[in-house]
Amino acid sequence: MAGNYRPVSLMSVVCKVLETLIKETMIRFLEDRAVITSKQHGFVSGRSCLTNLLEAFENWTEFLGEGHGVDIIYLDYRKAFATVPHKRLLTKICQLD
């Protein structure tokens, strides 16, 4: 079904190179000033949703092993923004002018 696919953004090579340079510079700036903690998993090299989940699972297992209770709430935002009615959103944005 066509509604299941997102449009592909076509950027020029120059834009892609500039985007990479800016991202790398920003990450280096934030890491040098210890703004990014070890708990940050998104947008950090060598870390991902999987490493976040594995770290959380390790913590939960440790707490349970120590006899503590663990309550977990899992929220899946994967398609939360894909379901925004775009025409209504554009109408509201145009009304801001």
N, C-alpha and C. Protein backbone atom coordinates (compact mmCIF):
# COMPACT_ATOMS: atom_id res chain seq x y z
N MET A 1 0.84 -1.18 0.00
CA MET A 1 0.00 0.00 0.00
C MET A 1 0.89 1.24 0.00
N ALA A 2 0.57 2.20 -0.83
CA ALA A 2 1.40 3.39 -1.00
C ALA A 2 1.47 4.22 0.28
N GLY A 3 0.45 4.18 1.12
CA GLY A 3 0.44 4.97 2.36
C GLY A 3 1.45 4.52 3.39
N ASN A 4 2.03 3.34 3.20
CA ASN A 4 3.01 2.81 4.15
C ASN A 4 4.43 3.30 3.90
N TYR A 5 4.63 4.07 2.83
CA TYR A 5 5.98 4.48 2.48
C TYR A 5 6.16 5.98 2.67
N ARG A 6 7.32 6.36 3.16
CA ARG A 6 7.64 7.77 3.33
C ARG A 6 8.34 8.29 2.09
N PRO A 7 8.16 9.57 1.79
CA PRO A 7 8.86 10.12 0.62
C PRO A 7 10.37 10.19 0.88
N VAL A 8 11.12 10.03 -0.17
CA VAL A 8 12.58 10.08 -0.08
C VAL A 8 13.02 11.51 -0.33
N SER A 9 13.88 12.01 0.55
CA SER A 9 14.39 13.36 0.39
C SER A 9 15.64 13.31 -0.48
N LEU A 10 15.62 14.06 -1.56
CA LEU A 10 16.77 14.10 -2.46
C LEU A 10 17.54 15.39 -2.21
N MET A 11 18.74 15.25 -1.64
CA MET A 11 19.58 16.41 -1.38
C MET A 11 20.80 16.34 -2.27
N SER A 12 21.33 17.51 -2.56
CA SER A 12 22.54 17.54 -3.37
C SER A 12 23.72 17.03 -2.55
N VAL A 13 24.77 16.66 -3.23
CA VAL A 13 25.98 16.16 -2.57
C VAL A 13 26.56 17.22 -1.64
N VAL A 14 26.53 18.47 -2.06
CA VAL A 14 27.06 19.56 -1.24
C VAL A 14 26.30 19.64 0.09
N CYS A 15 24.97 19.55 0.02
CA CYS A 15 24.15 19.59 1.24
C CYS A 15 24.47 18.43 2.15
N LYS A 16 24.64 17.24 1.58
CA LYS A 16 24.95 16.06 2.40
C LYS A 16 26.30 16.21 3.08
N VAL A 17 27.29 16.72 2.37
CA VAL A 17 28.62 16.92 2.95
C VAL A 17 28.56 17.95 4.06
N LEU A 18 27.87 19.08 3.82
CA LEU A 18 27.73 20.11 4.85
C LEU A 18 26.99 19.58 6.08
N GLU A 19 25.95 18.80 5.85
CA GLU A 19 25.20 18.21 6.96
C GLU A 19 26.11 17.32 7.81
N THR A 20 26.92 16.49 7.18
CA THR A 20 27.85 15.62 7.89
C THR A 20 28.87 16.42 8.68
N LEU A 21 29.43 17.46 8.05
CA LEU A 21 30.43 18.29 8.74
C LEU A 21 29.83 19.00 9.96
N ILE A 22 28.65 19.56 9.79
CA ILE A 22 28.00 20.26 10.89
C ILE A 22 27.67 19.30 12.03
N LYS A 23 27.15 18.12 11.69
CA LYS A 23 26.82 17.13 12.72
C LYS A 23 28.06 16.72 13.49
N GLU A 24 29.14 16.39 12.77
CA GLU A 24 30.37 15.96 13.43
C GLU A 24 30.93 17.07 14.33
N THR A 25 30.88 18.31 13.86
CA THR A 25 31.37 19.43 14.66
C THR A 25 30.53 19.62 15.91
N MET A 26 29.21 19.52 15.77
CA MET A 26 28.33 19.68 16.93
C MET A 26 28.54 18.56 17.94
N ILE A 27 28.64 17.33 17.47
CA ILE A 27 28.85 16.19 18.38
C ILE A 27 30.17 16.36 19.12
N ARG A 28 31.22 16.72 18.42
CA ARG A 28 32.54 16.92 19.05
C ARG A 28 32.47 18.04 20.09
N PHE A 29 31.80 19.14 19.76
CA PHE A 29 31.62 20.27 20.69
C PHE A 29 30.91 19.81 21.96
N LEU A 30 29.81 19.05 21.79
CA LEU A 30 29.04 18.59 22.94
C LEU A 30 29.79 17.56 23.77
N GLU A 31 30.54 16.68 23.12
CA GLU A 31 31.33 15.68 23.85
C GLU A 31 32.47 16.34 24.62
N ASP A 32 33.15 17.33 24.02
CA ASP A 32 34.26 18.02 24.68
C ASP A 32 33.80 18.74 25.94
N ARG A 33 32.57 19.19 25.96
CA ARG A 33 32.04 19.92 27.12
C ARG A 33 31.21 19.04 28.03
N ALA A 34 31.25 17.74 27.80
CA ALA A 34 30.54 16.73 28.61
C ALA A 34 29.04 17.03 28.69
N VAL A 35 28.47 17.54 27.61
CA VAL A 35 27.04 17.78 27.55
C VAL A 35 26.32 16.47 27.26
N ILE A 36 26.93 15.64 26.43
CA ILE A 36 26.35 14.33 26.11
C ILE A 36 26.81 13.35 27.18
N THR A 37 25.85 12.77 27.88
CA THR A 37 26.17 11.83 28.95
C THR A 37 26.26 10.41 28.40
N SER A 38 26.70 9.50 29.25
CA SER A 38 26.79 8.09 28.84
C SER A 38 25.40 7.47 28.67
N LYS A 39 24.38 8.15 29.14
CA LYS A 39 23.00 7.66 29.00
C LYS A 39 22.41 7.98 27.63
N GLN A 40 23.06 8.87 26.87
CA GLN A 40 22.58 9.25 25.54
C GLN A 40 22.89 8.13 24.55
N HIS A 41 21.89 7.67 23.84
CA HIS A 41 22.09 6.61 22.86
C HIS A 41 21.78 7.06 21.44
N GLY A 42 20.87 8.00 21.26
CA GLY A 42 20.51 8.46 19.93
C GLY A 42 21.53 9.43 19.38
N PHE A 43 21.84 9.31 18.12
CA PHE A 43 22.73 10.20 17.39
C PHE A 43 24.17 10.17 17.91
N VAL A 44 24.55 9.09 18.58
CA VAL A 44 25.91 8.95 19.08
C VAL A 44 26.53 7.73 18.41
N SER A 45 27.73 7.89 17.92
CA SER A 45 28.41 6.80 17.22
C SER A 45 28.58 5.60 18.14
N GLY A 46 28.23 4.42 17.64
CA GLY A 46 28.41 3.18 18.40
C GLY A 46 27.26 2.90 19.37
N ARG A 47 26.24 3.74 19.38
CA ARG A 47 25.10 3.55 20.26
C ARG A 47 23.82 3.61 19.43
N SER A 48 22.78 2.94 19.92
CA SER A 48 21.53 2.88 19.15
C SER A 48 20.38 2.54 20.08
N CYS A 49 19.21 2.34 19.51
CA CYS A 49 18.06 1.90 20.29
C CYS A 49 18.35 0.53 20.93
N LEU A 50 19.09 -0.30 20.21
CA LEU A 50 19.42 -1.62 20.74
C LEU A 50 20.33 -1.52 21.95
N THR A 51 21.35 -0.68 21.90
CA THR A 51 22.23 -0.55 23.08
C THR A 51 21.48 0.05 24.25
N ASN A 52 20.53 0.96 23.97
CA ASN A 52 19.70 1.53 25.03
C ASN A 52 18.87 0.44 25.69
N LEU A 53 18.24 -0.41 24.88
CA LEU A 53 17.40 -1.49 25.40
C LEU A 53 18.24 -2.49 26.20
N LEU A 54 19.42 -2.85 25.71
CA LEU A 54 20.27 -3.79 26.43
C LEU A 54 20.72 -3.23 27.77
N GLU A 55 21.05 -1.94 27.80
CA GLU A 55 21.46 -1.31 29.06
C GLU A 55 20.30 -1.27 30.05
N ALA A 56 19.11 -0.94 29.56
CA ALA A 56 17.93 -0.91 30.43
C ALA A 56 17.63 -2.31 30.97
N PHE A 57 17.70 -3.31 30.10
CA PHE A 57 17.44 -4.69 30.52
C PHE A 57 18.44 -5.13 31.59
N GLU A 58 19.69 -4.74 31.42
CA GLU A 58 20.72 -5.06 32.42
C GLU A 58 20.40 -4.41 33.77
N ASN A 59 19.96 -3.14 33.74
CA ASN A 59 19.58 -2.46 34.98
C ASN A 59 18.38 -3.11 35.65
N TRP A 60 17.37 -3.46 34.86
CA TRP A 60 16.17 -4.10 35.41
C TRP A 60 16.53 -5.43 36.06
N THR A 61 17.37 -6.21 35.39
CA THR A 61 17.78 -7.50 35.92
C THR A 61 18.54 -7.33 37.23
N GLU A 62 19.41 -6.33 37.29
CA GLU A 62 20.18 -6.05 38.51
C GLU A 62 19.24 -5.67 39.66
N PHE A 63 18.27 -4.79 39.40
CA PHE A 63 17.32 -4.37 40.44
C PHE A 63 16.50 -5.56 40.94
N LEU A 64 16.02 -6.39 40.02
CA LEU A 64 15.25 -7.56 40.42
C LEU A 64 16.11 -8.52 41.23
N GLY A 65 17.37 -8.67 40.86
CA GLY A 65 18.29 -9.54 41.59
C GLY A 65 18.54 -9.06 43.01
N GLU A 66 18.44 -7.75 43.22
CA GLU A 66 18.62 -7.17 44.55
C GLU A 66 17.33 -7.18 45.35
N GLY A 67 16.25 -7.71 44.76
CA GLY A 67 14.99 -7.81 45.47
C GLY A 67 14.08 -6.61 45.34
N HIS A 68 14.43 -5.68 44.48
CA HIS A 68 13.58 -4.50 44.25
C HIS A 68 12.52 -4.83 43.21
N GLY A 69 11.42 -4.09 43.26
CA GLY A 69 10.40 -4.22 42.23
C GLY A 69 10.73 -3.30 41.07
N VAL A 70 10.30 -3.67 39.90
CA VAL A 70 10.54 -2.85 38.72
C VAL A 70 9.22 -2.71 37.96
N ASP A 71 8.81 -1.47 37.73
CA ASP A 71 7.64 -1.18 36.90
C ASP A 71 8.16 -0.57 35.60
N ILE A 72 7.65 -1.05 34.50
CA ILE A 72 8.14 -0.60 33.20
C ILE A 72 6.95 -0.15 32.34
N ILE A 73 7.08 1.03 31.77
CA ILE A 73 6.08 1.51 30.82
C ILE A 73 6.81 1.68 29.49
N TYR A 74 6.33 1.04 28.47
CA TYR A 74 6.96 1.11 27.15
C TYR A 74 6.03 1.88 26.22
N LEU A 75 6.53 2.96 25.66
CA LEU A 75 5.77 3.77 24.71
C LEU A 75 6.42 3.66 23.34
N ASP A 76 5.63 3.39 22.34
CA ASP A 76 6.13 3.26 20.98
C ASP A 76 5.66 4.46 20.16
N TYR A 77 6.57 5.38 19.88
CA TYR A 77 6.25 6.59 19.13
C TYR A 77 6.59 6.45 17.64
N ARG A 78 6.86 5.25 17.22
CA ARG A 78 7.34 5.02 15.86
C ARG A 78 6.47 5.71 14.80
N LYS A 79 5.18 5.56 14.89
CA LYS A 79 4.32 6.13 13.86
C LYS A 79 3.52 7.33 14.36
N ALA A 80 3.87 7.84 15.52
CA ALA A 80 3.10 8.94 16.10
C ALA A 80 3.06 10.15 15.20
N PHE A 81 4.16 10.49 14.57
CA PHE A 81 4.20 11.69 13.74
C PHE A 81 3.81 11.41 12.30
N ALA A 82 3.77 10.14 11.93
CA ALA A 82 3.35 9.78 10.57
C ALA A 82 1.83 9.87 10.44
N THR A 83 1.11 9.92 11.56
CA THR A 83 -0.35 9.94 11.52
C THR A 83 -0.92 11.35 11.65
N VAL A 84 -0.08 12.36 11.69
CA VAL A 84 -0.55 13.75 11.75
C VAL A 84 -1.23 14.09 10.43
N PRO A 85 -2.47 14.60 10.49
CA PRO A 85 -3.12 15.00 9.24
C PRO A 85 -2.42 16.23 8.66
N HIS A 86 -1.66 16.04 7.61
CA HIS A 86 -0.80 17.08 7.08
C HIS A 86 -1.56 18.31 6.58
N LYS A 87 -2.72 18.11 5.99
CA LYS A 87 -3.49 19.27 5.50
C LYS A 87 -3.91 20.15 6.67
N ARG A 88 -4.37 19.53 7.76
CA ARG A 88 -4.78 20.30 8.94
C ARG A 88 -3.58 21.02 9.54
N LEU A 89 -2.44 20.35 9.60
CA LEU A 89 -1.23 20.96 10.14
C LEU A 89 -0.81 22.17 9.30
N LEU A 90 -0.82 22.03 7.98
CA LEU A 90 -0.47 23.14 7.10
C LEU A 90 -1.45 24.30 7.26
N THR A 91 -2.73 23.99 7.42
CA THR A 91 -3.72 25.04 7.63
C THR A 91 -3.42 25.83 8.89
N LYS A 92 -3.09 25.12 9.98
CA LYS A 92 -2.77 25.80 11.25
C LYS A 92 -1.49 26.62 11.14
N ILE A 93 -0.51 26.10 10.43
CA ILE A 93 0.75 26.85 10.25
C ILE A 93 0.49 28.13 9.46
N CYS A 94 -0.33 28.03 8.41
CA CYS A 94 -0.64 29.21 7.59
C CYS A 94 -1.41 30.25 8.38
N GLN A 95 -2.19 29.84 9.36
CA GLN A 95 -2.97 30.77 10.19
C GLN A 95 -2.09 31.54 11.16
N LEU A 96 -0.87 31.09 11.38
CA LEU A 96 0.04 31.77 12.31
C LEU A 96 0.54 33.10 11.76
N ASP A 97 0.51 33.26 10.46
CA ASP A 97 1.01 34.51 9.84
C ASP A 97 0.13 35.68 10.13
